[in-house]
């Protein structure tokens, strides 16, 4: 079924978030679960004085697995991101999340808080979660404050939230200014697996440094579309060049030079 891009953008504009309930079919979800099994199996929890038991997120997935590549270049997903941010965007980070039984909820936050730009401002970030398990209020579904992306002040951390419950294979998107938090997992034996894909405008610094985090020998084997998505492209009239050229050319040349020396 085609994605209702206009409807999703309308929800993001009005409420700050939207859900595409049937983004991935069951076969794709199962393929992602199998491919990411080693990553999810390694995710644990940690104790902190301030927040108690909380999930450890696994970041920089593109350096660890090829299992998520097909989702990253999905035309429907990229069309949704473009509809909010415009055509000049990039991947800011990729993470795996698996809140375990007993994990506490996150603190309330905004994802675009890294950027010291006065509010209100146009969208800088679209963040996403892809559900590889159903999201329920009990197992830690993301909690949002609808409409809070339009606020210029901080929200009360005890303000009522909405738990974004959604089925297996669903996609949650939210604007970077939306106040939200990961929910706590109050179940006895239920984990909530998801993939977190974070996108930002291409002229902003990425949350994760893709140029250092993803090894060059991995990058050169990626399709050109994915290389561009993680930042190997020219943007906004030439930002990001090396000698006025796409930096991927420098990477390829240096890898050849290194192989000739060895």
Protein backbone atom coordinates (compact mmCIF):
# COMPACT_ATOMS: atom_id res chain seq x y z
CA UNK A 1 0.00 0.00 0.00
CA UNK A 2 1.46 3.43 -0.94
CA UNK A 3 2.42 5.70 1.96
CA UNK A 4 0.12 8.65 2.55
CA UNK A 5 2.93 11.19 2.52
CA UNK A 6 0.64 14.24 2.59
CA UNK A 7 -1.26 12.85 5.55
CA UNK A 8 1.94 12.05 7.46
CA UNK A 9 3.38 15.51 6.81
CA UNK A 10 0.11 17.10 7.95
CA UNK A 11 0.27 15.16 11.23
CA UNK A 12 3.91 16.12 11.76
CA UNK A 13 3.10 19.77 11.09
CA UNK A 14 0.12 19.76 13.46
CA UNK A 15 1.13 17.30 16.18
CA UNK A 16 4.89 16.98 15.71
CA UNK A 17 4.77 13.25 14.92
CA UNK A 18 3.11 10.69 12.67
CA UNK A 19 2.81 6.91 12.42
CA UNK A 20 2.88 4.83 9.23
CA UNK A 21 1.38 1.58 10.58
CA UNK A 22 2.21 -0.74 7.67
CA UNK A 23 5.64 0.56 6.64
CA UNK A 24 7.36 -2.88 6.55
CA UNK A 25 5.82 -6.22 5.69
CA UNK A 26 6.28 -9.27 7.90
CA UNK A 27 8.99 -10.78 5.67
CA UNK A 28 11.15 -7.64 5.83
CA UNK A 29 10.70 -7.40 9.59
CA UNK A 30 11.79 -11.01 10.01
CA UNK A 31 14.82 -10.43 7.77
CA UNK A 32 15.82 -7.42 9.87
CA UNK A 33 15.34 -9.37 13.09
CA UNK A 34 17.63 -12.14 11.84
CA UNK A 35 20.26 -9.78 10.50
CA UNK A 36 20.30 -7.67 13.64
CA UNK A 37 20.08 -10.56 16.12
CA UNK A 38 23.77 -10.30 17.18
CA UNK A 39 23.35 -6.56 17.76
CA UNK A 40 20.18 -6.91 19.81
CA UNK A 41 21.59 -9.82 21.80
CA UNK A 42 24.50 -7.61 22.85
CA UNK A 43 22.32 -4.73 24.07
CA UNK A 44 22.08 -4.54 27.83
CA UNK A 45 21.02 -2.10 30.53
CA UNK A 46 22.98 0.00 32.98
CA UNK A 47 22.27 1.59 36.34
CA UNK A 48 22.68 5.32 36.92
CA UNK A 49 22.13 7.33 40.07
CA UNK A 50 19.78 9.74 38.32
CA UNK A 51 17.66 7.40 36.21
CA UNK A 52 18.05 3.87 37.58
CA UNK A 53 18.07 0.98 35.10
CA UNK A 54 18.11 2.16 31.49
CA UNK A 55 18.73 0.71 28.03
CA UNK A 56 22.14 1.04 26.40
CA UNK A 57 21.59 1.99 22.77
CA UNK A 58 23.90 0.57 20.10
CA UNK A 59 25.01 3.35 17.75
CA UNK A 60 27.01 3.51 14.50
CA UNK A 61 25.19 0.50 13.04
CA UNK A 62 26.53 1.06 9.54
CA UNK A 63 29.99 0.12 10.77
CA UNK A 64 28.68 -3.05 12.42
CA UNK A 65 26.16 -4.58 10.00
CA UNK A 66 24.71 -4.40 6.51
CA UNK A 67 21.30 -5.52 7.75
CA UNK A 68 19.80 -2.02 7.75
CA UNK A 69 21.03 -0.84 4.34
CA UNK A 70 17.87 -1.80 2.46
CA UNK A 71 15.66 0.17 4.84
CA UNK A 72 17.84 3.28 4.67
CA UNK A 73 17.43 3.62 0.92
CA UNK A 74 13.70 2.80 0.93
CA UNK A 75 12.04 5.23 -1.48
CA UNK A 76 8.97 5.68 0.69
CA UNK A 77 11.03 6.52 3.76
CA UNK A 78 13.22 9.00 1.90
CA UNK A 79 10.17 10.62 0.32
CA UNK A 80 8.71 11.18 3.79
CA UNK A 81 11.93 12.75 5.06
CA UNK A 82 12.20 14.96 1.99
CA UNK A 83 8.61 16.11 2.38
CA UNK A 84 9.50 17.55 5.80
CA UNK A 85 13.13 18.66 5.40
CA UNK A 86 13.35 19.31 1.68
CA UNK A 87 15.73 17.57 -0.73
CA UNK A 88 19.03 18.49 0.98
CA UNK A 89 19.19 16.11 3.96
CA UNK A 90 21.53 13.42 5.27
CA UNK A 91 21.64 10.57 7.72
CA UNK A 92 22.66 11.82 11.15
CA UNK A 93 22.83 8.50 12.98
CA UNK A 94 21.65 4.87 13.04
CA UNK A 95 21.05 3.00 16.28
CA UNK A 96 19.45 -0.18 17.60
CA UNK A 97 17.29 0.01 20.73
CA UNK A 98 15.90 -2.75 22.94
CA UNK A 99 14.37 -1.62 26.25
CA UNK A 100 14.45 -4.59 28.62
CA UNK A 101 12.05 -5.51 31.43
CA UNK A 102 12.64 -3.10 34.30
CA UNK A 103 14.26 -0.36 32.20
CA UNK A 104 13.19 3.12 33.23
CA UNK A 105 11.92 5.78 30.87
CA UNK A 106 14.19 8.46 29.43
CA UNK A 107 14.24 12.09 30.46
CA UNK A 108 12.10 14.43 28.39
CA UNK A 109 14.10 15.99 25.55
CA UNK A 110 14.19 17.47 22.06
CA UNK A 111 16.42 15.95 19.39
CA UNK A 112 17.37 19.29 17.85
CA UNK A 113 18.67 20.64 21.14
CA UNK A 114 22.24 20.27 19.85
CA UNK A 115 21.81 23.27 17.58
CA UNK A 116 21.85 26.77 19.17
CA UNK A 117 19.22 28.21 16.84
CA UNK A 118 16.46 30.43 18.31
CA UNK A 119 12.99 28.93 18.39
CA UNK A 120 10.68 28.69 16.61
CA UNK A 121 12.57 27.61 13.51
CA UNK A 122 11.93 25.39 10.48
CA UNK A 123 12.48 21.64 10.96
CA UNK A 124 16.14 20.69 11.31
CA UNK A 125 15.68 17.00 12.14
CA UNK A 126 13.29 14.18 11.41
CA UNK A 127 13.85 11.25 13.73
CA UNK A 128 12.33 7.81 13.23
CA UNK A 129 11.76 4.48 14.91
CA UNK A 130 10.91 1.27 13.06
CA UNK A 131 9.09 -1.26 15.23
CA UNK A 132 10.56 -4.76 15.14
CA UNK A 133 8.24 -5.63 18.02
CA UNK A 134 4.84 -4.11 18.77
CA UNK A 135 5.10 -0.87 20.75
CA UNK A 136 2.90 -0.82 23.85
CA UNK A 137 2.69 1.50 26.83
CA UNK A 138 3.87 -1.41 28.98
CA UNK A 139 7.01 -2.33 27.00
CA UNK A 140 8.31 1.21 26.59
CA UNK A 141 6.57 2.83 23.63
CA UNK A 142 7.85 6.35 22.89
CA UNK A 143 6.01 9.02 24.87
CA UNK A 144 5.33 12.36 23.17
CA UNK A 145 3.83 15.73 24.03
CA UNK A 146 1.68 16.46 20.96
CA UNK A 147 2.13 19.94 19.54
CA UNK A 148 5.17 20.69 21.71
CA UNK A 149 7.37 21.21 18.63
CA UNK A 150 5.80 24.67 18.33
CA UNK A 151 6.78 25.75 21.84
CA UNK A 152 9.69 28.08 22.57
CA UNK A 153 9.92 27.17 26.26
CA UNK A 154 10.75 23.90 28.02
CA UNK A 155 7.95 21.57 28.94
CA UNK A 156 7.26 20.41 32.47
CA UNK A 157 8.89 16.94 32.73
CA UNK A 158 5.75 15.74 34.54
CA UNK A 159 3.47 16.98 31.77
CA UNK A 160 0.98 14.36 30.46
CA UNK A 161 2.26 12.44 27.44
CA UNK A 162 0.81 10.15 24.77
CA UNK A 163 2.32 6.66 24.42
CA UNK A 164 2.72 5.97 20.71
CA UNK A 165 1.51 2.38 20.54
CA UNK A 166 1.94 0.81 17.12
CA UNK A 167 2.11 -2.60 15.46
CA UNK A 168 5.02 -4.66 14.23
CA UNK A 169 6.57 -3.08 11.13
CA UNK A 170 5.24 0.41 11.82
CA UNK A 171 7.25 3.59 11.35
CA UNK A 172 7.17 6.49 13.80
CA UNK A 173 8.45 9.87 12.60
CA UNK A 174 8.78 13.03 14.64
CA UNK A 175 10.08 16.54 14.17
CA UNK A 176 13.30 17.32 16.03
CA UNK A 177 11.69 20.02 18.17
CA UNK A 178 9.06 17.66 19.62
CA UNK A 179 9.39 16.99 23.33
CA UNK A 180 9.43 13.23 23.90
CA UNK A 181 11.09 10.35 25.75
CA UNK A 182 11.49 6.61 25.50
CA UNK A 183 8.99 4.92 27.78
CA UNK A 184 9.79 2.57 30.63
CA UNK A 185 9.42 -1.19 30.24
CA UNK A 186 7.18 -2.46 33.04
CA UNK A 187 6.72 -5.96 31.60
CA UNK A 188 8.12 -9.10 33.20
CA UNK A 189 9.75 -10.67 30.12
CA UNK A 190 9.04 -8.55 27.03
CA UNK A 191 11.67 -6.69 25.01
CA UNK A 192 10.93 -3.89 22.53
CA UNK A 193 13.28 -3.94 19.53
CA UNK A 194 13.50 -1.04 17.11
CA UNK A 195 15.80 0.68 14.64
CA UNK A 196 16.40 4.39 15.10
CA UNK A 197 17.18 6.36 11.92
CA UNK A 198 17.95 10.02 12.52
CA UNK A 199 18.02 12.50 9.60
CA UNK A 200 19.04 16.16 9.56
CA UNK A 201 19.57 18.97 7.08
CA UNK A 202 22.75 18.28 5.12
CA UNK A 203 24.41 21.56 6.10
CA UNK A 204 24.27 20.69 9.80
CA UNK A 205 26.77 18.59 11.75
CA UNK A 206 25.67 14.98 12.08
CA UNK A 207 24.96 13.45 15.47
CA UNK A 208 27.34 10.61 14.66
CA UNK A 209 30.48 11.29 12.64
CA UNK A 210 29.85 9.03 9.66
CA UNK A 211 33.22 9.90 8.05
CA UNK A 212 35.14 8.48 11.00
CA UNK A 213 32.63 5.95 12.33
CA UNK A 214 32.17 3.97 9.12
CA UNK A 215 35.47 2.54 7.78
CA UNK A 216 36.44 3.68 4.29
CA UNK A 217 36.66 0.14 2.94
CA UNK A 218 33.03 -0.32 3.99
CA UNK A 219 31.95 3.01 2.50
CA UNK A 220 33.37 2.34 -0.97
CA UNK A 221 31.36 -0.89 -1.20
CA UNK A 222 28.10 0.91 -0.47
CA UNK A 223 25.77 1.92 -3.30
CA UNK A 224 26.20 5.55 -4.31
CA UNK A 225 22.76 6.40 -2.89
CA UNK A 226 23.79 5.25 0.58
CA UNK A 227 27.20 6.95 0.32
CA UNK A 228 25.43 10.23 -0.41
CA UNK A 229 22.97 9.67 2.42
CA UNK A 230 25.72 9.41 5.03
CA UNK A 231 27.36 12.61 3.77
CA UNK A 232 29.55 11.77 0.77
CA UNK A 233 28.08 14.42 -1.50
CA UNK A 234 28.25 18.13 -2.24
CA UNK A 235 25.54 20.15 -0.56
CA UNK A 236 24.24 23.70 -0.49
CA UNK A 237 26.45 25.11 -3.26
CA UNK A 238 29.57 23.13 -2.45
CA UNK A 239 29.74 22.45 1.28
CA UNK A 240 31.74 19.35 2.14
CA UNK A 241 34.11 19.32 -0.82
CA UNK A 242 37.70 18.12 -1.06
CA UNK A 243 39.40 20.17 -3.78
CA UNK A 244 35.91 21.08 -5.00
CA UNK A 245 35.03 17.43 -5.54
CA UNK A 246 32.87 14.85 -3.85
CA UNK A 247 34.86 13.50 -0.86
CA UNK A 248 34.15 9.91 -1.96
CA UNK A 249 36.70 10.46 -4.76
CA UNK A 250 39.39 11.23 -2.19
CA UNK A 251 38.47 8.16 -0.16
CA UNK A 252 38.73 5.89 -3.21
CA UNK A 253 42.05 7.42 -4.27
CA UNK A 254 43.62 7.06 -0.82
CA UNK A 255 42.50 3.45 -0.53
CA UNK A 256 44.18 2.71 -3.88
CA UNK A 257 47.34 4.52 -2.76
CA UNK A 258 47.39 2.56 0.51
CA UNK A 259 47.02 -0.76 -1.33
CA UNK A 260 49.88 0.13 -3.67
CA UNK A 261 52.18 0.94 -0.73
CA UNK A 262 51.35 -2.29 1.07
